[in-house]
PDB file of N, CA and C in Angstrom:
ATOM      1  N   ASP A   1       0.877  -1.258   0.005  1.00  0.00           N
ATOM      2  CA  ASP A   1       0.159  -0.055   0.259  1.00  0.00           C
ATOM      3  C   ASP A   1       0.782   1.058  -0.007  1.00  0.00           C
ATOM      4  N   LEU A   2       2.352   1.046  -0.016  1.00  0.00           N
ATOM      5  CA  LEU A   2       2.950   2.115  -0.250  1.00  0.00           C
ATOM      6  C   LEU A   2       3.293   2.832  -1.862  1.00  0.00           C
ATOM      7  N   ASN A   3       3.228   4.020  -1.960  1.00  0.00           N
ATOM      8  CA  ASN A   3       3.473   4.661  -3.107  1.00  0.00           C
ATOM      9  C   ASN A   3       4.738   5.278  -3.512  1.00  0.00           C
ATOM     10  N   PHE A   4       5.543   4.506  -3.962  1.00  0.00           N
ATOM     11  CA  PHE A   4       6.889   4.969  -4.010  1.00  0.00           C
ATOM     12  C   PHE A   4       7.299   5.718  -5.720  1.00  0.00           C
ATOM     13  N   PRO A   5       8.109   6.622  -5.784  1.00  0.00           N
ATOM     14  CA  PRO A   5       8.352   6.983  -7.058  1.00  0.00           C
ATOM     15  C   PRO A   5       9.302   5.629  -7.732  1.00  0.00           C
ATOM     16  N   LEU A   6       9.036   5.844  -8.593  1.00  0.00           N
ATOM     17  CA  LEU A   6       9.965   4.542  -9.697  1.00  0.00           C
ATOM     18  C   LEU A   6      11.266   4.220  -9.014  1.00  0.00           C
ATOM     19  N   HIS A   7      12.092   5.248  -9.223  1.00  0.00           N
ATOM     20  CA  HIS A   7      13.478   5.402  -8.851  1.00  0.00           C
ATOM     21  C   HIS A   7      13.577   6.288  -7.459  1.00  0.00           C
ATOM     22  N   PHE A   8      14.154   5.899  -6.885  1.00  0.00           N
ATOM     23  CA  PHE A   8      14.627   6.727  -5.780  1.00  0.00           C
ATOM     24  C   PHE A   8      15.485   6.538  -4.713  1.00  0.00           C
ATOM     25  N   SER A   9      16.173   7.866  -4.098  1.00  0.00           N
ATOM     26  CA  SER A   9      17.072   7.292  -3.410  1.00  0.00           C
ATOM     27  C   SER A   9      16.503   7.755  -1.681  1.00  0.00           C
ATOM     28  N   ALA A  10      16.866   6.703  -0.861  1.00  0.00           N
ATOM     29  CA  ALA A  10      16.372   7.000   0.598  1.00  0.00           C
ATOM     30  C   ALA A  10      17.416   7.762   1.405  1.00  0.00           C
ATOM     31  N   ILE A  11      17.127   8.572   2.087  1.00  0.00           N
ATOM     32  CA  ILE A  11      17.863   9.266   2.989  1.00  0.00           C
ATOM     33  C   ILE A  11      17.719   8.641   4.381  1.00  0.00           C
ATOM     34  N   VAL A  12      18.174   8.392   5.455  1.00  0.00           N
ATOM     35  CA  VAL A  12      17.577   7.856   6.532  1.00  0.00           C
ATOM     36  C   VAL A  12      18.662   8.474   7.595  1.00  0.00           C
ATOM     37  N   PRO A  13      17.815   9.413   8.301  1.00  0.00           N
ATOM     38  CA  PRO A  13      18.384  10.551   9.142  1.00  0.00           C
ATOM     39  C   PRO A  13      18.660   9.933  10.606  1.00  0.00           C
ATOM     40  N   ASN A  14      19.785  10.308  11.152  1.00  0.00           N
ATOM     41  CA  ASN A  14      19.824   9.539  12.158  1.00  0.00           C
ATOM     42  C   ASN A  14      20.294  10.757  13.465  1.00  0.00           C
ATOM     43  N   ALA A  15      19.103  10.952  14.569  1.00  0.00           N
ATOM     44  CA  ALA A  15      19.396  12.331  15.168  1.00  0.00           C
ATOM     45  C   ALA A  15      20.543  11.831  16.266  1.00  0.00           C
ATOM     46  N   ALA A  16      21.117  10.795  16.302  1.00  0.00           N
ATOM     47  CA  ALA A  16      22.119  10.521  17.600  1.00  0.00           C
ATOM     48  C   ALA A  16      23.233  11.425  16.773  1.00  0.00           C
ATOM     49  N   TYR A  17      23.457  11.503  15.764  1.00  0.00           N
ATOM     50  CA  TYR A  17      24.656  12.489  15.431  1.00  0.00           C
ATOM     51  C   TYR A  17      24.464  13.718  15.549  1.00  0.00           C
ATOM     52  N   ALA A  18      23.027  14.053  16.204  1.00  0.00           N
ATOM     53  CA  ALA A  18      23.015  15.654  16.213  1.00  0.00           C
ATOM     54  C   ALA A  18      22.484  16.006  17.621  1.00  0.00           C
ATOM     55  N   SER A  19      23.490  15.431  18.741  1.00  0.00           N
ATOM     56  CA  SER A  19      23.415  15.374  19.949  1.00  0.00           C
ATOM     57  C   SER A  19      23.414  16.698  20.956  1.00  0.00           C
ATOM     58  N   ASP A  20      24.221  17.607  20.152  1.00  0.00           N
ATOM     59  CA  ASP A  20      24.579  18.926  20.739  1.00  0.00           C
ATOM     60  C   ASP A  20      24.103  20.137  19.484  1.00  0.00           C
ATOM     61  N   PRO A  21      24.155  21.017  19.864  1.00  0.00           N
ATOM     62  CA  PRO A  21      24.073  22.238  18.585  1.00  0.00           C
ATOM     63  C   PRO A  21      25.097  22.160  17.667  1.00  0.00           C
ATOM     64  N   ALA A  22      26.590  22.024  18.145  1.00  0.00           N
ATOM     65  CA  ALA A  22      27.368  21.950  16.895  1.00  0.00           C
ATOM     66  C   ALA A  22      27.246  21.189  16.165  1.00  0.00           C
ATOM     67  N   ALA A  23      27.203  19.629  16.707  1.00  0.00           N
ATOM     68  CA  ALA A  23      27.342  18.231  15.733  1.00  0.00           C
ATOM     69  C   ALA A  23      25.890  18.466  15.339  1.00  0.00           C
ATOM     70  N   ARG A  24      24.507  18.852  15.467  1.00  0.00           N
ATOM     71  CA  ARG A  24      23.777  19.149  14.671  1.00  0.00           C
ATOM     72  C   ARG A  24      23.817  19.922  13.153  1.00  0.00           C
ATOM     73  N   ARG A  25      24.570  20.970  13.590  1.00  0.00           N
ATOM     74  CA  ARG A  25      25.016  21.792  12.712  1.00  0.00           C
ATOM     75  C   ARG A  25      26.027  20.726  11.656  1.00  0.00           C
ATOM     76  N   GLN A  26      26.743  20.425  12.077  1.00  0.00           N
ATOM     77  CA  GLN A  26      27.497  19.685  11.230  1.00  0.00           C
ATOM     78  C   GLN A  26      27.051  18.686  10.692  1.00  0.00           C
ATOM     79  N   TYR A  27      25.808  17.966  11.143  1.00  0.00           N
ATOM     80  CA  TYR A  27      25.387  16.705  10.338  1.00  0.00           C
ATOM     81  C   TYR A  27      24.521  17.427   9.248  1.00  0.00           C
ATOM     82  N   LEU A  28      23.645  18.575   9.626  1.00  0.00           N
ATOM     83  CA  LEU A  28      22.827  19.145   8.807  1.00  0.00           C
ATOM     84  C   LEU A  28      23.644  19.735   7.460  1.00  0.00           C
ATOM     85  N   ASN A  29      25.083  20.139   7.838  1.00  0.00           N
ATOM     86  CA  ASN A  29      26.047  20.612   6.567  1.00  0.00           C
ATOM     87  C   ASN A  29      26.364  19.309   5.953  1.00  0.00           C
ATOM     88  N   GLN A  30      26.155  17.933   6.441  1.00  0.00           N
ATOM     89  CA  GLN A  30      26.995  17.060   5.705  1.00  0.00           C
ATOM     90  C   GLN A  30      25.636  16.351   4.777  1.00  0.00           C
ATOM     91  N   LEU A  31      24.366  16.822   5.231  1.00  0.00           N
ATOM     92  CA  LEU A  31      23.364  16.361   4.526  1.00  0.00           C
ATOM     93  C   LEU A  31      22.794  16.958   3.393  1.00  0.00           C
ATOM     94  N   ALA A  32      22.863  18.214   3.769  1.00  0.00           N
ATOM     95  CA  ALA A  32      22.555  19.127   2.682  1.00  0.00           C
ATOM     96  C   ALA A  32      23.022  18.932   1.129  1.00  0.00           C
ATOM     97  N   PRO A  33      24.430  19.064   1.078  1.00  0.00           N
ATOM     98  CA  PRO A  33      25.064  18.881   0.077  1.00  0.00           C
ATOM     99  C   PRO A  33      25.134  17.774  -0.828  1.00  0.00           C
ATOM    100  N   ALA A  34      24.653  16.408   0.309  1.00  0.00           N
ATOM    101  CA  ALA A  34      24.294  15.120  -0.180  1.00  0.00           C
ATOM    102  C   ALA A  34      22.614  15.063  -1.139  1.00  0.00           C
ATOM    103  N   ILE A  35      21.909  16.031  -0.512  1.00  0.00           N
ATOM    104  CA  ILE A  35      20.558  15.886  -0.994  1.00  0.00           C
ATOM    105  C   ILE A  35      20.626  16.512  -2.406  1.00  0.00           C
ATOM    106  N   GLU A  36      21.682  17.786  -2.365  1.00  0.00           N
ATOM    107  CA  GLU A  36      21.585  18.772  -3.698  1.00  0.00           C
ATOM    108  C   GLU A  36      22.572  17.551  -5.007  1.00  0.00           C
ATOM    109  N   GLU A  37      23.512  16.606  -4.352  1.00  0.00           N
ATOM    110  CA  GLU A  37      23.994  15.961  -5.214  1.00  0.00           C
ATOM    111  C   GLU A  37      23.189  14.806  -5.986  1.00  0.00           C
ATOM    112  N   LEU A  38      22.092  14.081  -4.990  1.00  0.00           N
ATOM    113  CA  LEU A  38      20.917  13.403  -5.637  1.00  0.00           C
ATOM    114  C   LEU A  38      20.141  14.356  -6.559  1.00  0.00           C
ATOM    115  N   ARG A  39      19.842  14.926  -5.931  1.00  0.00           N
ATOM    116  CA  ARG A  39      18.708  15.785  -6.923  1.00  0.00           C
ATOM    117  C   ARG A  39      19.784  16.153  -8.463  1.00  0.00           C
ATOM    118  N   LYS A  40      20.740  16.712  -8.246  1.00  0.00           N
ATOM    119  CA  LYS A  40      21.521  16.988  -9.365  1.00  0.00           C
ATOM    120  C   LYS A  40      21.551  15.912 -10.381  1.00  0.00           C
ATOM    121  N   ARG A  41      21.589  14.255  -9.656  1.00  0.00           N
ATOM    122  CA  ARG A  41      22.112  13.666 -10.450  1.00  0.00           C
ATOM    123  C   ARG A  41      20.390  12.681 -10.458  1.00  0.00           C
ATOM    124  N   LYS A  42      19.765  13.383 -10.390  1.00  0.00           N
ATOM    125  CA  LYS A  42      18.426  13.049 -10.943  1.00  0.00           C
ATOM    126  C   LYS A  42      17.995  11.427  -9.871  1.00  0.00           C
ATOM    127  N   LEU A  43      18.060  11.488  -9.097  1.00  0.00           N
ATOM    128  CA  LEU A  43      18.045  10.220  -8.051  1.00  0.00           C
ATOM    129  C   LEU A  43      17.018  10.166  -6.884  1.00  0.00           C
ATOM    130  N   ASN A  44      16.255  11.327  -7.348  1.00  0.00           N
ATOM    131  CA  ASN A  44      14.904  11.592  -6.296  1.00  0.00           C
ATOM    132  C   ASN A  44      14.946  11.240  -5.148  1.00  0.00           C
ATOM    133  N   PRO A  45      15.454  11.957  -4.126  1.00  0.00           N
ATOM    134  CA  PRO A  45      16.070  11.967  -2.735  1.00  0.00           C
ATOM    135  C   PRO A  45      14.532  11.675  -1.899  1.00  0.00           C
ATOM    136  N   VAL A  46      14.327  10.916  -1.044  1.00  0.00           N
ATOM    137  CA  VAL A  46      13.384  10.905   0.034  1.00  0.00           C
ATOM    138  C   VAL A  46      14.079  10.948   1.243  1.00  0.00           C
ATOM    139  N   PHE A  47      13.198  11.349   2.672  1.00  0.00           N
ATOM    140  CA  PHE A  47      13.590  10.591   3.601  1.00  0.00           C
ATOM    141  C   PHE A  47      13.118   9.393   4.027  1.00  0.00           C
ATOM    142  N   VAL A  48      13.565   8.434   4.551  1.00  0.00           N
ATOM    143  CA  VAL A  48      12.756   7.208   5.013  1.00  0.00           C
ATOM    144  C   VAL A  48      12.890   7.333   6.620  1.00  0.00           C
ATOM    145  N   LEU A  49      11.962   7.413   7.278  1.00  0.00           N
ATOM    146  CA  LEU A  49      11.876   7.691   9.020  1.00  0.00           C
ATOM    147  C   LEU A  49      11.583   6.580   9.714  1.00  0.00           C
ATOM    148  N   HIS A  50      12.012   6.226  10.761  1.00  0.00           N
ATOM    149  CA  HIS A  50      11.426   5.068  11.745  1.00  0.00           C
ATOM    150  C   HIS A  50      10.590   5.462  12.679  1.00  0.00           C
ATOM    151  N   GLY A  51      10.104   7.066  12.627  1.00  0.00           N
ATOM    152  CA  GLY A  51       9.579   7.356  13.718  1.00  0.00           C
ATOM    153  C   GLY A  51       9.767   8.220  14.885  1.00  0.00           C
ATOM    154  N   THR A  52      11.030   8.258  15.024  1.00  0.00           N
ATOM    155  CA  THR A  52      11.421   9.101  16.249  1.00  0.00           C
ATOM    156  C   THR A  52      11.203  10.388  15.874  1.00  0.00           C
ATOM    157  N   ASP A  53      10.877  11.484  17.014  1.00  0.00           N
ATOM    158  CA  ASP A  53      10.685  12.586  16.856  1.00  0.00           C
ATOM    159  C   ASP A  53      12.072  13.280  16.564  1.00  0.00           C
ATOM    160  N   ALA A  54      12.904  12.680  17.315  1.00  0.00           N
ATOM    161  CA  ALA A  54      14.213  13.732  17.083  1.00  0.00           C
ATOM    162  C   ALA A  54      14.484  13.501  15.382  1.00  0.00           C
ATOM    163  N   ASP A  55      14.417  12.389  14.725  1.00  0.00           N
ATOM    164  CA  ASP A  55      15.038  11.922  13.334  1.00  0.00           C
ATOM    165  C   ASP A  55      13.808  12.805  12.758  1.00  0.00           C
ATOM    166  N   HIS A  56      12.407  13.132  13.146  1.00  0.00           N
ATOM    167  CA  HIS A  56      11.766  13.983  12.456  1.00  0.00           C
ATOM    168  C   HIS A  56      12.547  15.377  12.176  1.00  0.00           C
ATOM    169  N   ALA A  57      12.939  16.188  13.484  1.00  0.00           N
ATOM    170  CA  ALA A  57      13.530  17.248  13.694  1.00  0.00           C
ATOM    171  C   ALA A  57      14.612  17.741  12.563  1.00  0.00           C
ATOM    172  N   ILE A  58      15.094  16.562  12.354  1.00  0.00           N
ATOM    173  CA  ILE A  58      16.172  16.644  11.449  1.00  0.00           C
ATOM    174  C   ILE A  58      15.638  16.834  10.133  1.00  0.00           C
ATOM    175  N   VAL A  59      14.566  16.448   9.374  1.00  0.00           N
ATOM    176  CA  VAL A  59      13.772  16.697   8.340  1.00  0.00           C
ATOM    177  C   VAL A  59      13.234  18.239   8.441  1.00  0.00           C
ATOM    178  N   THR A  60      12.755  18.348   9.357  1.00  0.00           N
ATOM    179  CA  THR A  60      12.226  19.598   9.356  1.00  0.00           C
ATOM    180  C   THR A  60      13.561  20.848   9.350  1.00  0.00           C
ATOM    181  N   ALA A  61      14.332  20.472  10.048  1.00  0.00           N
ATOM    182  CA  ALA A  61      15.497  21.628   9.868  1.00  0.00           C
ATOM    183  C   ALA A  61      15.877  21.424   8.953  1.00  0.00           C
ATOM    184  N   LEU A  62      15.629  20.306   7.840  1.00  0.00           N
ATOM    185  CA  LEU A  62      16.481  20.234   6.488  1.00  0.00           C
ATOM    186  C   LEU A  62      15.567  21.368   5.539  1.00  0.00           C
ATOM    187  N   ALA A  63      14.328  21.270   5.882  1.00  0.00           N
ATOM    188  CA  ALA A  63      13.080  21.589   5.029  1.00  0.00           C
ATOM    189  C   ALA A  63      13.093  23.334   5.241  1.00  0.00           C
ATOM    190  N   GLU A  64      13.467  23.423   6.474  1.00  0.00           N
ATOM    191  CA  GLU A  64      13.503  24.829   7.049  1.00  0.00           C
ATOM    192  C   GLU A  64      14.695  25.608   6.138  1.00  0.00           C
ATOM    193  N   ALA A  65      15.566  25.031   5.770  1.00  0.00           N
ATOM    194  CA  ALA A  65      16.614  25.213   5.265  1.00  0.00           C
ATOM    195  C   ALA A  65      16.606  25.052   3.745  1.00  0.00           C
ATOM    196  N   GLY A  66      15.678  24.565   3.170  1.00  0.00           N
ATOM    197  CA  GLY A  66      15.380  24.807   1.564  1.00  0.00           C
ATOM    198  C   GLY A  66      15.710  23.215   0.991  1.00  0.00           C
ATOM    199  N   PHE A  67      15.563  22.151   2.082  1.00  0.00           N
ATOM    200  CA  PHE A  67      16.032  21.115   1.393  1.00  0.00           C
ATOM    201  C   PHE A  67      14.808  20.022   1.957  1.00  0.00           C
ATOM    202  N   ALA A  68      13.610  20.421   1.784  1.00  0.00           N
ATOM    203  CA  ALA A  68      12.596  19.683   1.667  1.00  0.00           C
ATOM    204  C   ALA A  68      12.534  18.827   0.425  1.00  0.00           C
ATOM    205  N   LEU A  69      12.333  17.076   1.057  1.00  0.00           N
ATOM    206  CA  LEU A  69      11.879  15.944   0.448  1.00  0.00           C
ATOM    207  C   LEU A  69      10.559  14.880   0.890  1.00  0.00           C
ATOM    208  N   PRO A  70      10.050  14.747  -0.004  1.00  0.00           N
ATOM    209  CA  PRO A  70       8.566  13.709   0.637  1.00  0.00           C
ATOM    210  C   PRO A  70       9.613  12.647   1.655  1.00  0.00           C
ATOM    211  N   VAL A  71       8.815  12.261   2.474  1.00  0.00           N
ATOM    212  CA  VAL A  71       8.584  11.367   3.590  1.00  0.00           C
ATOM    213  C   VAL A  71       8.114  10.458   3.771  1.00  0.00           C
ATOM    214  N   PHE A  72       8.596   9.080   3.880  1.00  0.00           N
ATOM    215  CA  PHE A  72       8.288   7.926   3.987  1.00  0.00           C
ATOM    216  C   PHE A  72       8.535   7.333   5.398  1.00  0.00           C
ATOM    217  N   THR A  73       7.371   6.686   5.713  1.00  0.00           N
ATOM    218  CA  THR A  73       7.445   6.299   7.213  1.00  0.00           C
ATOM    219  C   THR A  73       6.610   5.176   7.359  1.00  0.00           C
ATOM    220  N   HIS A  74       6.525   4.392   8.108  1.00  0.00           N
ATOM    221  CA  HIS A  74       5.522   3.285   8.658  1.00  0.00           C
ATOM    222  C   HIS A  74       5.809   2.854  10.046  1.00  0.00           C
ATOM    223  N   ARG A  75       4.577   2.087  10.278  1.00  0.00           N
ATOM    224  CA  ARG A  75       4.743   1.786  12.223  1.00  0.00           C
ATOM    225  C   ARG A  75       5.340   0.721  11.697  1.00  0.00           C
ATOM    226  N   ASP A  76       5.583  -0.257  10.594  1.00  0.00           N
ATOM    227  CA  ASP A  76       6.153  -1.514  10.808  1.00  0.00           C
ATOM    228  C   ASP A  76       7.410  -1.733  10.056  1.00  0.00           C
ATOM    229  N   PRO A  77       8.237  -1.986  10.920  1.00  0.00           N
ATOM    230  CA  PRO A  77       9.878  -2.012  10.427  1.00  0.00           C
ATOM    231  C   PRO A  77       9.587  -2.856   9.513  1.00  0.00           C
ATOM    232  N   ARG A  78       9.114  -3.906   9.090  1.00  0.00           N
ATOM    233  CA  ARG A  78       9.532  -4.974   7.668  1.00  0.00           C
ATOM    234  C   ARG A  78       9.152  -3.640   6.686  1.00  0.00           C
ATOM    235  N   ALA A  79       8.218  -2.606   6.708  1.00  0.00           N
ATOM    236  CA  ALA A  79       7.560  -2.338   5.536  1.00  0.00           C
ATOM    237  C   ALA A  79       8.818  -1.087   5.365  1.00  0.00           C
ATOM    238  N   LEU A  80       9.232  -0.596   6.515  1.00  0.00           N
ATOM    239  CA  LEU A  80      10.771   0.403   6.380  1.00  0.00           C
ATOM    240  C   LEU A  80      11.887  -0.528   5.892  1.00  0.00           C
ATOM    241  N   LYS A  81      12.032  -1.880   5.874  1.00  0.00           N
ATOM    242  CA  LYS A  81      13.056  -2.640   5.152  1.00  0.00           C
ATOM    243  C   LYS A  81      12.891  -2.775   3.669  1.00  0.00           C
ATOM    244  N   SER A  82      11.616  -2.677   3.539  1.00  0.00           N
ATOM    245  CA  SER A  82      11.000  -2.594   2.094  1.00  0.00           C
ATOM    246  C   SER A  82      11.365  -1.677   1.254  1.00  0.00           C
ATOM    247  N   MET A  83      10.964  -0.481   2.324  1.00  0.00           N
ATOM    248  CA  MET A  83      11.391   0.894   1.130  1.00  0.00           C
ATOM    249  C   MET A  83      12.955   0.841   0.873  1.00  0.00           C
ATOM    250  N   LEU A  84      13.549   0.865   1.919  1.00  0.00           N
ATOM    251  CA  LEU A  84      15.114   0.589   1.765  1.00  0.00           C
ATOM    252  C   LEU A  84      15.443  -0.384   0.732  1.00  0.00           C
ATOM    253  N   GLY A  85      14.792  -1.756   0.635  1.00  0.00           N
ATOM    254  CA  GLY A  85      15.273  -2.413  -0.591  1.00  0.00           C
ATOM    255  C   GLY A  85      15.234  -2.089  -1.729  1.00  0.00           C
ATOM    256  N   ARG A  86      13.538  -0.989  -1.858  1.00  0.00           N
ATOM    257  CA  ARG A  86      13.329  -0.754  -3.003  1.00  0.00           C
ATOM    258  C   ARG A  86      14.219   0.146  -3.641  1.00  0.00           C
ATOM    259  N   ALA A  87      14.993   1.139  -2.988  1.00  0.00           N
ATOM    260  CA  ALA A  87      15.569   2.485  -3.264  1.00  0.00           C
ATOM    261  C   ALA A  87      16.941   2.041  -4.102  1.00  0.00           C
ATOM    262  N   THR A  88      17.235   3.057  -4.969  1.00  0.00           N
ATOM    263  CA  THR A  88      18.611   2.362  -6.228  1.00  0.00           C
ATOM    264  C   THR A  88      19.673   2.873  -5.216  1.00  0.00           C
ATOM    265  N   LEU A  89      19.354   3.878  -4.173  1.00  0.00           N
ATOM    266  CA  LEU A  89      20.406   4.419  -3.251  1.00  0.00           C
ATOM    267  C   LEU A  89      20.101   4.833  -1.966  1.00  0.00           C
ATOM    268  N   VAL A  90      20.896   4.145  -0.634  1.00  0.00           N
ATOM    269  CA  VAL A  90      20.597   4.459   0.628  1.00  0.00           C
ATOM    270  C   VAL A  90      21.905   5.434   1.119  1.00  0.00           C
ATOM    271  N   VAL A  91      21.283   6.359   1.535  1.00  0.00           N
ATOM    272  CA  VAL A  91      22.440   7.324   2.379  1.00  0.00           C
ATOM    273  C   VAL A  91      21.962   6.952   3.991  1.00  0.00           C
ATOM    274  N   GLY A  92      22.427   6.447   4.920  1.00  0.00           N
ATOM    275  CA  GLY A  92      22.611   6.237   6.114  1.00  0.00           C
ATOM    276  C   GLY A  92      23.682   6.218   6.943  1.00  0.00           C
ATOM    277  N   SER A  93      23.302   6.089   8.509  1.00  0.00           N
ATOM    278  CA  SER A  93      24.763   6.087   8.950  1.00  0.00           C
ATOM    279  C   SER A  93      24.795   5.130  10.081  1.00  0.00           C
ATOM    280  N   HIS A  94      25.988   5.062  10.507  1.00  0.00           N
ATOM    281  CA  HIS A  94      26.214   3.288  11.188  1.00  0.00           C
ATOM    282  C   HIS A  94      26.296   3.787  12.763  1.00  0.00           C
TER     283      HIS A  94
END
């Protein structure tokens, strides 16, 4: 029941990398050029969220900075894995 673009790249933000204001700024400054590069290459970037408010705050901050993207989320972790499996490319963190 999920409606994906035919080809898309999934960005999975991780708020653990933005634990303080300086780290948050650095993390956002790393994601923003990644989004631009994916857009330039017509890889249709989207955010895939696993539902935490902190991760959603990263998406909101990027949107406010001009990097708004579609957001895919689901309460079932298997659906999230399916989203990542359908992506042409995944940008994540460890």
